[in-house]
């Protein structure tokens, strides 16, 4: 693959993951992936999985999937969160996610309810923004390794923690953010066997 193609793919991986790093200069997308715990190869695989799931959602009859379901992918582990109109749509969100090649696990947090009005959505966005900012500003947290999704004031965390102490800090920062009702963590530790981690 040509270098420009790699950089483009890395850029897609970063943008689609919802990560907004504060980096300046050329090749910033590559720098972001290098800073993360997952490898460049894993980041590219995750970007491919994410694009495939979004494509499946776009093609499907349940039109609210693409608009209302947030998707995060880390090392083949897929986190789904959001609000849909019917139980059938919730089932389809999971079924379609499993169809993407390379998916190892699907964590379903899609809710079926009528609580997804404008003010609730705006509050959820505010909560996620506050948490991401606090993670960046808190010492001894590698915020680049974490994804945050908030649905109906429930915060879903996904990512890779350096150790249990860091994970505890992340959970505390998240749980003490105003309006957060509950924190659901799908964060794995850096040396978790599910990652196929090999000590250097």
C-alpha atoms as a PDB file:
ATOM      1  CA  UNK A   1       0.000   0.000   0.000  1.00  0.00           C
ATOM      2  CA  UNK A   2       1.296   3.446  -0.875  1.00  0.00           C
ATOM      3  CA  UNK A   3       2.184   5.816   1.976  1.00  0.00           C
ATOM      4  CA  UNK A   4      -0.608   8.218   1.020  1.00  0.00           C
ATOM      5  CA  UNK A   5      -3.093   5.355   1.192  1.00  0.00           C
ATOM      6  CA  UNK A   6      -1.869   4.367   4.649  1.00  0.00           C
ATOM      7  CA  UNK A   7      -2.150   7.939   5.918  1.00  0.00           C
ATOM      8  CA  UNK A   8      -5.660   8.218   4.462  1.00  0.00           C
ATOM      9  CA  UNK A   9      -6.723   4.984   6.142  1.00  0.00           C
ATOM     10  CA  UNK A  10      -5.222   6.110   9.438  1.00  0.00           C
ATOM     11  CA  UNK A  11      -7.076   9.381   9.144  1.00  0.00           C
ATOM     12  CA  UNK A  12     -10.320   7.482   8.590  1.00  0.00           C
ATOM     13  CA  UNK A  13      -9.622   5.302  11.609  1.00  0.00           C
ATOM     14  CA  UNK A  14      -9.073   8.329  13.819  1.00  0.00           C
ATOM     15  CA  UNK A  15     -12.020  10.336  12.550  1.00  0.00           C
ATOM     16  CA  UNK A  16     -14.443   7.426  12.622  1.00  0.00           C
ATOM     17  CA  UNK A  17     -13.430   6.469  16.133  1.00  0.00           C
ATOM     18  CA  UNK A  18     -14.560   9.871  17.381  1.00  0.00           C
ATOM     19  CA  UNK A  19     -11.084  10.801  18.566  1.00  0.00           C
ATOM     20  CA  UNK A  20     -10.191  14.485  18.178  1.00  0.00           C
ATOM     21  CA  UNK A  21      -6.531  14.841  19.114  1.00  0.00           C
ATOM     22  CA  UNK A  22      -4.795  18.167  19.525  1.00  0.00           C
ATOM     23  CA  UNK A  23      -1.844  17.563  17.245  1.00  0.00           C
ATOM     24  CA  UNK A  24      -0.203  19.933  14.771  1.00  0.00           C
ATOM     25  CA  UNK A  25       1.810  19.223  11.656  1.00  0.00           C
ATOM     26  CA  UNK A  26       1.965  16.637   8.869  1.00  0.00           C
ATOM     27  CA  UNK A  27       1.239  13.005   9.469  1.00  0.00           C
ATOM     28  CA  UNK A  28      -0.753  13.710  12.606  1.00  0.00           C
ATOM     29  CA  UNK A  29      -3.113  10.797  12.004  1.00  0.00           C
ATOM     30  CA  UNK A  30      -0.196   8.386  12.006  1.00  0.00           C
ATOM     31  CA  UNK A  31       1.122   9.983  15.194  1.00  0.00           C
ATOM     32  CA  UNK A  32      -2.217   9.405  16.909  1.00  0.00           C
ATOM     33  CA  UNK A  33      -2.217   5.704  16.100  1.00  0.00           C
ATOM     34  CA  UNK A  34       1.391   5.348  17.195  1.00  0.00           C
ATOM     35  CA  UNK A  35       0.450   6.945  20.528  1.00  0.00           C
ATOM     36  CA  UNK A  36      -2.368   4.491  21.085  1.00  0.00           C
ATOM     37  CA  UNK A  37      -1.909   1.047  22.587  1.00  0.00           C
ATOM     38  CA  UNK A  38      -3.336  -0.709  19.538  1.00  0.00           C
ATOM     39  CA  UNK A  39      -1.039  -1.298  16.572  1.00  0.00           C
ATOM     40  CA  UNK A  40      -1.300   0.448  13.209  1.00  0.00           C
ATOM     41  CA  UNK A  41      -2.529  -2.818  11.727  1.00  0.00           C
ATOM     42  CA  UNK A  42      -5.244  -3.134  14.374  1.00  0.00           C
ATOM     43  CA  UNK A  43      -6.293   0.482  13.849  1.00  0.00           C
ATOM     44  CA  UNK A  44      -6.681  -0.138  10.110  1.00  0.00           C
ATOM     45  CA  UNK A  45      -8.628  -3.354  10.739  1.00  0.00           C
ATOM     46  CA  UNK A  46     -10.899  -1.516  13.191  1.00  0.00           C
ATOM     47  CA  UNK A  47     -11.509   1.257  10.659  1.00  0.00           C
ATOM     48  CA  UNK A  48     -12.491  -1.350   8.075  1.00  0.00           C
ATOM     49  CA  UNK A  49     -14.905  -3.018  10.509  1.00  0.00           C
ATOM     50  CA  UNK A  50     -16.461   0.333  11.402  1.00  0.00           C
ATOM     51  CA  UNK A  51     -16.940   1.311   7.754  1.00  0.00           C
ATOM     52  CA  UNK A  52     -18.514  -2.069   6.987  1.00  0.00           C
ATOM     53  CA  UNK A  53     -20.969  -1.856   9.903  1.00  0.00           C
ATOM     54  CA  UNK A  54     -21.974   1.696   8.952  1.00  0.00           C
ATOM     55  CA  UNK A  55     -22.432   0.543   5.356  1.00  0.00           C
ATOM     56  CA  UNK A  56     -24.650  -2.336   6.475  1.00  0.00           C
ATOM     57  CA  UNK A  57     -26.712   0.058   8.580  1.00  0.00           C
ATOM     58  CA  UNK A  58     -27.078   2.450   5.639  1.00  0.00           C
ATOM     59  CA  UNK A  59     -28.276  -0.331   3.327  1.00  0.00           C
ATOM     60  CA  UNK A  60     -30.778  -1.779   5.761  1.00  0.00           C
ATOM     61  CA  UNK A  61     -34.482  -1.056   5.980  1.00  0.00           C
ATOM     62  CA  UNK A  62     -34.231   0.176   9.577  1.00  0.00           C
ATOM     63  CA  UNK A  63     -33.147   3.709   8.667  1.00  0.00           C
ATOM     64  CA  UNK A  64     -32.678   4.840  12.255  1.00  0.00           C
ATOM     65  CA  UNK A  65     -29.692   2.520  12.775  1.00  0.00           C
ATOM     66  CA  UNK A  66     -27.213   4.730  10.938  1.00  0.00           C
ATOM     67  CA  UNK A  67     -28.484   7.909  12.553  1.00  0.00           C
ATOM     68  CA  UNK A  68     -29.117   6.680  16.082  1.00  0.00           C
ATOM     69  CA  UNK A  69     -26.549   3.972  16.843  1.00  0.00           C
ATOM     70  CA  UNK A  70     -23.015   4.963  17.807  1.00  0.00           C
ATOM     71  CA  UNK A  71     -20.372   2.386  16.914  1.00  0.00           C
ATOM     72  CA  UNK A  72     -16.878   2.113  18.420  1.00  0.00           C
ATOM     73  CA  UNK A  73     -14.368  -0.567  17.442  1.00  0.00           C
ATOM     74  CA  UNK A  74     -11.192  -1.452  19.343  1.00  0.00           C
ATOM     75  CA  UNK A  75      -9.204  -4.522  18.311  1.00  0.00           C
ATOM     76  CA  UNK A  76     -12.265  -6.184  16.810  1.00  0.00           C
ATOM     77  CA  UNK A  77     -14.456  -5.518  19.860  1.00  0.00           C
ATOM     78  CA  UNK A  78     -17.551  -3.562  18.806  1.00  0.00           C
ATOM     79  CA  UNK A  79     -19.498  -1.317  21.171  1.00  0.00           C
ATOM     80  CA  UNK A  80     -23.012  -0.298  20.111  1.00  0.00           C
ATOM     81  CA  UNK A  81     -24.919   2.407  21.986  1.00  0.00           C
ATOM     82  CA  UNK A  82     -27.857   4.627  21.197  1.00  0.00           C
ATOM     83  CA  UNK A  83     -31.628   4.824  20.944  1.00  0.00           C
ATOM     84  CA  UNK A  84     -33.820   3.129  18.344  1.00  0.00           C
ATOM     85  CA  UNK A  85     -37.568   3.121  17.758  1.00  0.00           C
ATOM     86  CA  UNK A  86     -38.342  -0.605  17.931  1.00  0.00           C
ATOM     87  CA  UNK A  87     -37.015  -3.828  19.463  1.00  0.00           C
ATOM     88  CA  UNK A  88     -36.610  -5.161  15.921  1.00  0.00           C
ATOM     89  CA  UNK A  89     -34.195  -2.350  15.130  1.00  0.00           C
ATOM     90  CA  UNK A  90     -32.192  -3.170  18.253  1.00  0.00           C
ATOM     91  CA  UNK A  91     -31.896  -6.797  17.170  1.00  0.00           C
ATOM     92  CA  UNK A  92     -30.881  -5.788  13.648  1.00  0.00           C
ATOM     93  CA  UNK A  93     -28.185  -3.446  14.981  1.00  0.00           C
ATOM     94  CA  UNK A  94     -26.484  -6.391  16.650  1.00  0.00           C
ATOM     95  CA  UNK A  95     -27.095  -8.886  13.855  1.00  0.00           C
ATOM     96  CA  UNK A  96     -25.637  -6.594  11.208  1.00  0.00           C
ATOM     97  CA  UNK A  97     -22.618  -5.729  13.354  1.00  0.00           C
ATOM     98  CA  UNK A  98     -21.720  -9.420  13.564  1.00  0.00           C
ATOM     99  CA  UNK A  99     -21.686  -9.612   9.760  1.00  0.00           C
ATOM    100  CA  UNK A 100     -18.579  -7.426   9.480  1.00  0.00           C
ATOM    101  CA  UNK A 101     -15.471  -9.518   8.898  1.00  0.00           C
ATOM    102  CA  UNK A 102     -13.065  -9.424  11.837  1.00  0.00           C
ATOM    103  CA  UNK A 103     -15.610  -8.781  14.600  1.00  0.00           C
ATOM    104  CA  UNK A 104     -14.643 -10.686  17.765  1.00  0.00           C
ATOM    105  CA  UNK A 105     -17.253  -9.377  20.182  1.00  0.00           C
ATOM    106  CA  UNK A 106     -20.349  -7.161  20.064  1.00  0.00           C
ATOM    107  CA  UNK A 107     -21.407  -5.298  23.188  1.00  0.00           C
ATOM    108  CA  UNK A 108     -25.003  -4.193  22.802  1.00  0.00           C
ATOM    109  CA  UNK A 109     -26.130  -1.101  24.696  1.00  0.00           C
ATOM    110  CA  UNK A 110     -28.747   0.032  22.196  1.00  0.00           C
ATOM    111  CA  UNK A 111     -31.898   1.130  24.014  1.00  0.00           C
ATOM    112  CA  UNK A 112     -35.485   1.071  22.826  1.00  0.00           C
ATOM    113  CA  UNK A 113     -37.308   4.020  24.344  1.00  0.00           C
ATOM    114  CA  UNK A 114     -38.749   7.452  23.749  1.00  0.00           C
ATOM    115  CA  UNK A 115     -36.240   9.375  25.871  1.00  0.00           C
ATOM    116  CA  UNK A 116     -34.095  10.523  22.978  1.00  0.00           C
ATOM    117  CA  UNK A 117     -35.524  14.020  22.617  1.00  0.00           C
ATOM    118  CA  UNK A 118     -33.447  17.061  21.782  1.00  0.00           C
ATOM    119  CA  UNK A 119     -32.677  18.147  25.347  1.00  0.00           C
ATOM    120  CA  UNK A 120     -31.714  14.656  26.416  1.00  0.00           C
ATOM    121  CA  UNK A 121     -29.438  14.353  23.379  1.00  0.00           C
ATOM    122  CA  UNK A 122     -27.874  17.757  24.064  1.00  0.00           C
ATOM    123  CA  UNK A 123     -27.200  16.813  27.674  1.00  0.00           C
ATOM    124  CA  UNK A 124     -25.588  13.539  26.600  1.00  0.00           C
ATOM    125  CA  UNK A 125     -23.295  15.414  24.188  1.00  0.00           C
ATOM    126  CA  UNK A 126     -22.370  17.846  26.962  1.00  0.00           C
ATOM    127  CA  UNK A 127     -21.566  14.961  29.332  1.00  0.00           C
ATOM    128  CA  UNK A 128     -19.342  13.217  26.780  1.00  0.00           C
ATOM    129  CA  UNK A 129     -17.514  16.462  26.014  1.00  0.00           C
ATOM    130  CA  UNK A 130     -16.904  17.162  29.696  1.00  0.00           C
ATOM    131  CA  UNK A 131     -15.567  13.666  30.289  1.00  0.00           C
ATOM    132  CA  UNK A 132     -13.223  13.742  27.292  1.00  0.00           C
ATOM    133  CA  UNK A 133     -11.869  17.112  28.421  1.00  0.00           C
ATOM    134  CA  UNK A 134     -11.339  15.906  31.986  1.00  0.00           C
ATOM    135  CA  UNK A 135      -9.554  12.769  30.769  1.00  0.00           C
ATOM    136  CA  UNK A 136      -7.177  14.889  28.690  1.00  0.00           C
ATOM    137  CA  UNK A 137      -6.428  17.186  31.629  1.00  0.00           C
ATOM    138  CA  UNK A 138      -6.064  14.496  34.309  1.00  0.00           C
ATOM    139  CA  UNK A 139      -2.519  13.383  35.088  1.00  0.00           C
ATOM    140  CA  UNK A 140      -1.529   9.758  34.509  1.00  0.00           C
ATOM    141  CA  UNK A 141      -4.344   9.048  32.070  1.00  0.00           C
ATOM    142  CA  UNK A 142      -3.553   8.303  28.425  1.00  0.00           C
ATOM    143  CA  UNK A 143      -6.822   9.749  27.190  1.00  0.00           C
ATOM    144  CA  UNK A 144      -6.072   8.848  23.578  1.00  0.00           C
ATOM    145  CA  UNK A 145      -6.827   5.206  24.399  1.00  0.00           C
ATOM    146  CA  UNK A 146     -10.432   5.824  25.492  1.00  0.00           C
ATOM    147  CA  UNK A 147     -13.762   6.247  23.714  1.00  0.00           C
ATOM    148  CA  UNK A 148     -16.772   7.781  25.433  1.00  0.00           C
ATOM    149  CA  UNK A 149     -20.431   7.378  24.472  1.00  0.00           C
ATOM    150  CA  UNK A 150     -23.296   8.778  26.559  1.00  0.00           C
ATOM    151  CA  UNK A 151     -26.890   7.612  26.123  1.00  0.00           C
ATOM    152  CA  UNK A 152     -29.617   8.838  28.477  1.00  0.00           C
ATOM    153  CA  UNK A 153     -26.967   9.936  31.017  1.00  0.00           C
ATOM    154  CA  UNK A 154     -25.390   6.469  31.069  1.00  0.00           C
ATOM    155  CA  UNK A 155     -21.728   6.644  30.030  1.00  0.00           C
ATOM    156  CA  UNK A 156     -20.132   3.761  28.129  1.00  0.00           C
ATOM    157  CA  UNK A 157     -16.348   3.600  28.214  1.00  0.00           C
ATOM    158  CA  UNK A 158     -14.259   1.567  25.816  1.00  0.00           C
ATOM    159  CA  UNK A 159     -10.509   1.388  25.377  1.00  0.00           C
ATOM    160  CA  UNK A 160      -7.233   0.105  26.751  1.00  0.00           C
ATOM    161  CA  UNK A 161      -5.960   1.027  30.216  1.00  0.00           C
ATOM    162  CA  UNK A 162      -2.261   1.009  31.092  1.00  0.00           C
ATOM    163  CA  UNK A 163      -3.053  -0.587  34.456  1.00  0.00           C
ATOM    164  CA  UNK A 164      -5.792  -0.908  37.066  1.00  0.00           C
ATOM    165  CA  UNK A 165      -4.824   2.397  38.718  1.00  0.00           C
ATOM    166  CA  UNK A 166      -5.365   4.282  35.473  1.00  0.00           C
ATOM    167  CA  UNK A 167      -8.681   2.530  34.916  1.00  0.00           C
ATOM    168  CA  UNK A 168      -9.766   3.488  38.426  1.00  0.00           C
ATOM    169  CA  UNK A 169      -8.896   7.141  37.705  1.00  0.00           C
ATOM    170  CA  UNK A 170     -10.826   7.082  34.432  1.00  0.00           C
ATOM    171  CA  UNK A 171     -13.863   5.525  36.111  1.00  0.00           C
ATOM    172  CA  UNK A 172     -13.738   8.087  38.931  1.00  0.00           C
ATOM    173  CA  UNK A 173     -13.432  11.055  36.558  1.00  0.00           C
ATOM    174  CA  UNK A 174     -16.345   9.732  34.523  1.00  0.00           C
ATOM    175  CA  UNK A 175     -18.578   8.884  37.456  1.00  0.00           C
ATOM    176  CA  UNK A 176     -18.119  12.272  39.152  1.00  0.00           C
ATOM    177  CA  UNK A 177     -19.045  14.272  36.050  1.00  0.00           C
ATOM    178  CA  UNK A 178     -22.333  16.155  36.546  1.00  0.00           C
ATOM    179  CA  UNK A 179     -25.531  14.426  35.336  1.00  0.00           C
ATOM    180  CA  UNK A 180     -23.877  11.024  34.936  1.00  0.00           C
ATOM    181  CA  UNK A 181     -26.228   8.400  36.345  1.00  0.00           C
ATOM    182  CA  UNK A 182     -24.194   5.286  35.649  1.00  0.00           C
ATOM    183  CA  UNK A 183     -20.852   4.216  34.141  1.00  0.00           C
ATOM    184  CA  UNK A 184     -20.542   1.031  32.085  1.00  0.00           C
ATOM    185  CA  UNK A 185     -16.933   0.090  31.343  1.00  0.00           C
ATOM    186  CA  UNK A 186     -15.739  -2.132  28.527  1.00  0.00           C
ATOM    187  CA  UNK A 187     -12.145  -1.045  29.049  1.00  0.00           C
ATOM    188  CA  UNK A 188      -9.540  -3.815  29.037  1.00  0.00           C
ATOM    189  CA  UNK A 189      -6.137  -3.646  30.662  1.00  0.00           C
ATOM    190  CA  UNK A 190      -3.047  -3.386  28.488  1.00  0.00           C
ATOM    191  CA  UNK A 191      -1.928  -6.893  29.435  1.00  0.00           C
ATOM    192  CA  UNK A 192      -5.390  -8.503  29.126  1.00  0.00           C
ATOM    193  CA  UNK A 193      -5.008 -11.948  27.460  1.00  0.00           C
ATOM    194  CA  UNK A 194      -7.923 -11.158  25.134  1.00  0.00           C
ATOM    195  CA  UNK A 195      -5.686  -8.643  23.370  1.00  0.00           C
ATOM    196  CA  UNK A 196      -3.046 -11.219  22.520  1.00  0.00           C
ATOM    197  CA  UNK A 197      -0.626  -8.969  24.395  1.00  0.00           C
ATOM    198  CA  UNK A 198       3.026  -9.988  24.508  1.00  0.00           C
ATOM    199  CA  UNK A 199       5.265  -8.179  27.050  1.00  0.00           C
ATOM    200  CA  UNK A 200       8.155  -6.316  25.425  1.00  0.00           C
END
